[in-house]
N, C-alpha and C. Protein backbone atom coordinates (compact mmCIF):
# COMPACT_ATOMS: atom_id res chain seq x y z
N MET A 1 -18.51 9.49 -6.39
CA MET A 1 -17.09 9.76 -6.27
C MET A 1 -16.33 8.52 -5.83
N LEU A 2 -15.17 8.37 -6.34
CA LEU A 2 -14.33 7.23 -5.99
C LEU A 2 -13.96 7.24 -4.51
N SER A 3 -13.73 8.43 -3.95
CA SER A 3 -13.30 8.52 -2.55
C SER A 3 -14.31 7.89 -1.60
N GLY A 4 -15.58 7.87 -1.97
CA GLY A 4 -16.60 7.26 -1.12
C GLY A 4 -16.58 5.75 -1.13
N THR A 5 -15.81 5.15 -2.01
CA THR A 5 -15.74 3.69 -2.11
C THR A 5 -14.48 3.12 -1.48
N ILE A 6 -13.57 3.97 -1.04
CA ILE A 6 -12.30 3.51 -0.47
C ILE A 6 -12.44 3.36 1.03
N LYS A 7 -12.11 2.17 1.53
CA LYS A 7 -12.24 1.88 2.95
C LYS A 7 -10.88 2.02 3.64
N SER A 8 -10.94 2.25 4.95
CA SER A 8 -9.72 2.30 5.75
C SER A 8 -10.02 1.70 7.11
N GLY A 9 -9.01 1.59 7.93
CA GLY A 9 -9.18 1.03 9.27
C GLY A 9 -7.82 0.82 9.90
N ASP A 10 -7.83 0.15 11.03
CA ASP A 10 -6.59 -0.17 11.74
C ASP A 10 -6.08 -1.50 11.20
N TRP A 11 -4.88 -1.50 10.62
CA TRP A 11 -4.35 -2.71 10.00
C TRP A 11 -4.14 -3.84 11.01
N LYS A 12 -4.08 -3.52 12.31
CA LYS A 12 -3.89 -4.57 13.32
C LYS A 12 -5.14 -5.41 13.49
N GLY A 13 -6.30 -4.87 13.09
CA GLY A 13 -7.54 -5.61 13.25
C GLY A 13 -8.30 -5.84 11.95
N GLU A 14 -7.79 -5.32 10.85
CA GLU A 14 -8.46 -5.45 9.55
C GLU A 14 -7.44 -5.91 8.52
N LYS A 15 -7.64 -7.12 7.99
CA LYS A 15 -6.65 -7.74 7.10
C LYS A 15 -6.49 -7.07 5.75
N HIS A 16 -7.40 -6.18 5.36
CA HIS A 16 -7.32 -5.56 4.05
C HIS A 16 -6.52 -4.26 4.01
N VAL A 17 -6.29 -3.64 5.16
CA VAL A 17 -5.63 -2.33 5.20
C VAL A 17 -4.14 -2.49 4.91
N PRO A 18 -3.61 -1.75 3.93
CA PRO A 18 -2.18 -1.85 3.65
C PRO A 18 -1.34 -1.27 4.79
N VAL A 19 -0.27 -1.96 5.11
CA VAL A 19 0.67 -1.53 6.14
C VAL A 19 1.84 -0.85 5.43
N ILE A 20 2.20 0.35 5.89
CA ILE A 20 3.29 1.11 5.28
C ILE A 20 4.42 1.22 6.29
N GLU A 21 5.61 0.78 5.90
CA GLU A 21 6.80 0.89 6.74
C GLU A 21 7.91 1.47 5.88
N TYR A 22 8.66 2.43 6.43
CA TYR A 22 9.71 3.04 5.61
C TYR A 22 10.99 3.25 6.40
N GLU A 23 12.09 3.36 5.64
CA GLU A 23 13.41 3.71 6.17
C GLU A 23 13.96 4.81 5.28
N LYS A 24 14.66 5.77 5.89
CA LYS A 24 15.30 6.84 5.12
C LYS A 24 16.79 6.78 5.34
N ASP A 25 17.54 6.95 4.26
CA ASP A 25 18.99 7.05 4.31
C ASP A 25 19.36 8.25 3.44
N GLY A 26 19.51 9.41 4.08
CA GLY A 26 19.70 10.64 3.32
C GLY A 26 18.42 10.95 2.59
N ASP A 27 18.52 11.09 1.26
CA ASP A 27 17.30 11.35 0.49
C ASP A 27 16.71 10.08 -0.14
N LEU A 28 17.34 8.93 0.10
CA LEU A 28 16.81 7.66 -0.41
C LEU A 28 15.78 7.10 0.57
N VAL A 29 14.60 6.82 0.06
CA VAL A 29 13.51 6.29 0.88
C VAL A 29 13.17 4.89 0.39
N LYS A 30 13.15 3.94 1.32
CA LYS A 30 12.74 2.57 1.03
C LYS A 30 11.41 2.35 1.74
N VAL A 31 10.38 1.99 0.98
CA VAL A 31 9.04 1.82 1.55
C VAL A 31 8.56 0.40 1.29
N GLY A 32 8.17 -0.27 2.35
CA GLY A 32 7.54 -1.58 2.23
C GLY A 32 6.05 -1.44 2.46
N VAL A 33 5.26 -2.05 1.60
CA VAL A 33 3.81 -2.05 1.75
C VAL A 33 3.35 -3.50 1.71
N SER A 34 2.54 -3.88 2.69
CA SER A 34 2.03 -5.24 2.74
C SER A 34 0.57 -5.22 3.16
N VAL A 35 -0.13 -6.28 2.84
CA VAL A 35 -1.52 -6.46 3.25
C VAL A 35 -1.60 -7.76 4.02
N GLY A 36 -2.22 -7.70 5.20
CA GLY A 36 -2.37 -8.91 6.01
C GLY A 36 -1.22 -9.16 6.95
N LYS A 37 -0.60 -8.12 7.47
CA LYS A 37 0.56 -8.29 8.36
C LYS A 37 0.18 -9.00 9.66
N GLU A 38 -0.88 -8.55 10.31
CA GLU A 38 -1.31 -9.15 11.58
C GLU A 38 -2.30 -10.29 11.35
N ILE A 39 -3.19 -10.11 10.40
CA ILE A 39 -4.20 -11.12 10.07
C ILE A 39 -3.99 -11.46 8.60
N PRO A 40 -3.47 -12.65 8.29
CA PRO A 40 -3.18 -12.99 6.89
C PRO A 40 -4.42 -12.89 5.99
N HIS A 41 -4.19 -12.36 4.80
CA HIS A 41 -5.26 -12.26 3.80
C HIS A 41 -5.23 -13.50 2.93
N PRO A 42 -6.39 -14.06 2.56
CA PRO A 42 -6.41 -15.22 1.66
C PRO A 42 -5.73 -14.90 0.33
N ASN A 43 -5.17 -15.91 -0.28
CA ASN A 43 -4.53 -15.75 -1.58
C ASN A 43 -4.97 -16.89 -2.49
N THR A 44 -6.24 -16.83 -2.87
CA THR A 44 -6.82 -17.84 -3.75
C THR A 44 -7.38 -17.15 -4.99
N SER A 45 -7.71 -17.92 -5.99
CA SER A 45 -8.33 -17.34 -7.19
C SER A 45 -9.65 -16.66 -6.84
N GLU A 46 -10.34 -17.18 -5.83
CA GLU A 46 -11.64 -16.63 -5.44
C GLU A 46 -11.52 -15.38 -4.58
N HIS A 47 -10.44 -15.22 -3.82
CA HIS A 47 -10.30 -14.12 -2.86
C HIS A 47 -8.83 -13.76 -2.73
N HIS A 48 -8.45 -12.57 -3.22
CA HIS A 48 -7.04 -12.21 -3.22
C HIS A 48 -6.85 -10.69 -3.32
N ILE A 49 -5.65 -10.25 -3.02
CA ILE A 49 -5.25 -8.87 -3.25
C ILE A 49 -4.71 -8.82 -4.67
N ALA A 50 -5.31 -7.99 -5.51
CA ALA A 50 -4.92 -7.92 -6.93
C ALA A 50 -3.74 -6.99 -7.16
N TRP A 51 -3.68 -5.87 -6.40
CA TRP A 51 -2.59 -4.92 -6.60
C TRP A 51 -2.42 -3.98 -5.40
N ILE A 52 -1.25 -3.35 -5.36
CA ILE A 52 -0.91 -2.33 -4.35
C ILE A 52 -0.30 -1.15 -5.10
N GLU A 53 -0.71 0.07 -4.72
CA GLU A 53 -0.09 1.29 -5.25
C GLU A 53 0.45 2.11 -4.09
N LEU A 54 1.55 2.83 -4.34
CA LEU A 54 2.13 3.73 -3.35
C LEU A 54 2.23 5.12 -3.95
N TYR A 55 1.79 6.11 -3.19
CA TYR A 55 1.85 7.52 -3.59
C TYR A 55 2.64 8.30 -2.55
N PHE A 56 3.31 9.35 -3.00
CA PHE A 56 3.99 10.29 -2.11
C PHE A 56 3.45 11.69 -2.39
N HIS A 57 2.98 12.36 -1.34
CA HIS A 57 2.49 13.74 -1.47
C HIS A 57 3.46 14.64 -0.71
N PRO A 58 4.40 15.28 -1.43
CA PRO A 58 5.38 16.15 -0.78
C PRO A 58 4.70 17.35 -0.12
N GLU A 59 5.20 17.71 1.04
CA GLU A 59 4.70 18.88 1.76
C GLU A 59 4.80 20.11 0.86
N GLY A 60 3.73 20.89 0.78
CA GLY A 60 3.73 22.11 -0.01
C GLY A 60 3.37 21.93 -1.47
N GLU A 61 3.23 20.69 -1.93
CA GLU A 61 2.86 20.43 -3.33
C GLU A 61 1.35 20.22 -3.44
N ASN A 62 0.82 20.44 -4.63
CA ASN A 62 -0.63 20.32 -4.84
C ASN A 62 -1.13 18.88 -4.98
N PHE A 63 -0.29 18.00 -5.54
CA PHE A 63 -0.76 16.67 -5.87
C PHE A 63 0.21 15.59 -5.41
N PRO A 64 -0.31 14.40 -5.11
CA PRO A 64 0.59 13.27 -4.83
C PRO A 64 1.18 12.72 -6.13
N VAL A 65 2.28 12.02 -6.00
CA VAL A 65 2.97 11.40 -7.13
C VAL A 65 2.86 9.88 -6.97
N LEU A 66 2.52 9.19 -8.04
CA LEU A 66 2.50 7.73 -8.01
C LEU A 66 3.94 7.23 -8.01
N VAL A 67 4.35 6.60 -6.91
CA VAL A 67 5.70 6.05 -6.81
C VAL A 67 5.78 4.74 -7.57
N GLY A 68 4.75 3.91 -7.43
CA GLY A 68 4.76 2.64 -8.14
C GLY A 68 3.51 1.83 -7.90
N ARG A 69 3.38 0.79 -8.72
CA ARG A 69 2.23 -0.12 -8.63
C ARG A 69 2.73 -1.53 -8.84
N VAL A 70 2.26 -2.45 -8.00
CA VAL A 70 2.62 -3.85 -8.14
C VAL A 70 1.32 -4.64 -8.30
N ALA A 71 1.25 -5.44 -9.36
CA ALA A 71 0.08 -6.30 -9.60
C ALA A 71 0.45 -7.73 -9.27
N PHE A 72 -0.43 -8.40 -8.55
CA PHE A 72 -0.24 -9.80 -8.19
C PHE A 72 -1.13 -10.63 -9.10
N THR A 73 -0.54 -11.19 -10.14
CA THR A 73 -1.32 -11.82 -11.19
C THR A 73 -1.48 -13.33 -11.05
N ASN A 74 -0.81 -13.92 -10.08
CA ASN A 74 -0.92 -15.35 -9.86
C ASN A 74 -1.38 -15.57 -8.43
N HIS A 75 -2.46 -16.30 -8.23
CA HIS A 75 -3.02 -16.46 -6.90
C HIS A 75 -3.09 -17.93 -6.53
N GLY A 76 -2.85 -18.20 -5.28
CA GLY A 76 -2.86 -19.55 -4.76
C GLY A 76 -1.58 -19.79 -3.98
N ASP A 77 -1.74 -20.28 -2.78
CA ASP A 77 -0.57 -20.50 -1.91
C ASP A 77 0.38 -21.47 -2.57
N PRO A 78 1.66 -21.32 -2.50
CA PRO A 78 2.41 -20.17 -1.98
C PRO A 78 2.94 -19.28 -3.10
N LEU A 79 2.21 -19.10 -4.17
CA LEU A 79 2.74 -18.44 -5.36
C LEU A 79 3.03 -16.97 -5.19
N THR A 80 2.15 -16.20 -4.60
CA THR A 80 2.41 -14.78 -4.39
C THR A 80 1.98 -14.38 -2.99
N GLU A 81 2.49 -13.27 -2.56
CA GLU A 81 2.13 -12.70 -1.26
C GLU A 81 1.97 -11.20 -1.47
N PRO A 82 0.94 -10.58 -0.90
CA PRO A 82 0.70 -9.16 -1.15
C PRO A 82 1.67 -8.25 -0.39
N ARG A 83 2.92 -8.22 -0.87
CA ARG A 83 3.96 -7.36 -0.30
C ARG A 83 4.77 -6.76 -1.44
N ALA A 84 5.19 -5.51 -1.25
CA ALA A 84 5.99 -4.83 -2.27
C ALA A 84 6.96 -3.88 -1.58
N VAL A 85 8.08 -3.62 -2.26
CA VAL A 85 9.07 -2.66 -1.77
C VAL A 85 9.32 -1.65 -2.87
N PHE A 86 9.29 -0.37 -2.49
CA PHE A 86 9.50 0.73 -3.43
C PHE A 86 10.67 1.58 -2.95
N PHE A 87 11.41 2.13 -3.89
CA PHE A 87 12.50 3.06 -3.59
C PHE A 87 12.27 4.35 -4.36
N PHE A 88 12.51 5.49 -3.69
CA PHE A 88 12.50 6.78 -4.38
C PHE A 88 13.35 7.75 -3.58
N ARG A 89 13.66 8.88 -4.20
CA ARG A 89 14.49 9.89 -3.55
C ARG A 89 13.70 11.17 -3.33
N THR A 90 13.86 11.73 -2.12
CA THR A 90 13.27 13.03 -1.81
C THR A 90 13.96 13.60 -0.58
N ALA A 91 14.08 14.90 -0.56
CA ALA A 91 14.58 15.59 0.62
C ALA A 91 13.41 16.19 1.39
N LYS A 92 12.20 16.09 0.82
CA LYS A 92 11.02 16.71 1.41
C LYS A 92 10.29 15.76 2.36
N LYS A 93 9.62 16.36 3.34
CA LYS A 93 8.68 15.63 4.17
C LYS A 93 7.36 15.55 3.40
N GLY A 94 6.47 14.72 3.88
CA GLY A 94 5.17 14.62 3.23
C GLY A 94 4.39 13.44 3.76
N LYS A 95 3.48 12.95 2.95
CA LYS A 95 2.64 11.80 3.32
C LYS A 95 2.84 10.68 2.32
N LEU A 96 2.88 9.47 2.83
CA LEU A 96 2.88 8.26 2.01
C LEU A 96 1.46 7.69 2.06
N TYR A 97 0.91 7.39 0.90
CA TYR A 97 -0.42 6.80 0.81
C TYR A 97 -0.29 5.45 0.10
N ALA A 98 -0.91 4.43 0.67
CA ALA A 98 -0.96 3.13 0.01
C ALA A 98 -2.41 2.79 -0.27
N LEU A 99 -2.63 2.20 -1.43
CA LEU A 99 -3.95 1.77 -1.86
C LEU A 99 -3.84 0.32 -2.30
N SER A 100 -4.75 -0.52 -1.82
CA SER A 100 -4.75 -1.92 -2.23
C SER A 100 -6.15 -2.30 -2.70
N TYR A 101 -6.20 -3.34 -3.53
CA TYR A 101 -7.48 -3.77 -4.09
C TYR A 101 -7.70 -5.25 -3.85
N CYS A 102 -8.76 -5.56 -3.09
CA CYS A 102 -9.19 -6.94 -2.87
C CYS A 102 -10.30 -7.22 -3.88
N ASN A 103 -10.22 -8.35 -4.56
CA ASN A 103 -11.20 -8.64 -5.61
C ASN A 103 -12.62 -8.83 -5.07
N ILE A 104 -12.78 -9.05 -3.77
CA ILE A 104 -14.11 -9.19 -3.18
C ILE A 104 -14.52 -7.95 -2.39
N HIS A 105 -13.59 -7.38 -1.63
CA HIS A 105 -13.92 -6.30 -0.69
C HIS A 105 -13.50 -4.91 -1.15
N GLY A 106 -12.97 -4.79 -2.37
CA GLY A 106 -12.71 -3.48 -2.96
C GLY A 106 -11.44 -2.79 -2.53
N LEU A 107 -11.49 -1.45 -2.56
CA LEU A 107 -10.32 -0.61 -2.32
C LEU A 107 -10.12 -0.31 -0.84
N TRP A 108 -8.85 -0.34 -0.42
CA TRP A 108 -8.46 -0.06 0.97
C TRP A 108 -7.27 0.87 0.96
N GLU A 109 -7.22 1.79 1.94
CA GLU A 109 -6.14 2.77 1.98
C GLU A 109 -5.54 2.89 3.38
N ASN A 110 -4.34 3.46 3.40
CA ASN A 110 -3.68 3.82 4.64
C ASN A 110 -2.71 4.94 4.31
N GLU A 111 -2.28 5.67 5.34
CA GLU A 111 -1.30 6.74 5.14
C GLU A 111 -0.40 6.85 6.35
N VAL A 112 0.83 7.31 6.11
CA VAL A 112 1.77 7.63 7.19
C VAL A 112 2.52 8.89 6.80
N ALA A 113 2.97 9.61 7.80
CA ALA A 113 3.77 10.81 7.56
C ALA A 113 5.21 10.39 7.28
N LEU A 114 5.80 10.98 6.27
CA LEU A 114 7.22 10.77 5.96
C LEU A 114 7.96 11.96 6.56
N GLU A 115 8.77 11.68 7.55
CA GLU A 115 9.51 12.75 8.26
C GLU A 115 10.89 12.93 7.68
């Protein structure tokens, strides 16, 4: 199963865990997702974050919705940085899930409650 291959942890001590930060203005939600906030992640051809995905799972719904995906196709300082901003609208509470992929260390996840 894919779920057995996805790693998680505390982003303050693990550079691969995506950090999720959001602001709400009415039903407009702005979500920032970054990798390496406290401990910078390398950005070289040999070791890099390839992409970040953001999902929203509304309370009471059966499935999460893919809000967006950002691919980082150019690697090497200072060309790209593993950060993305997503916007969507909802009046519902739920969970935000972020998934990131490191070309060496695989899939990493994090989640926060959207109030």
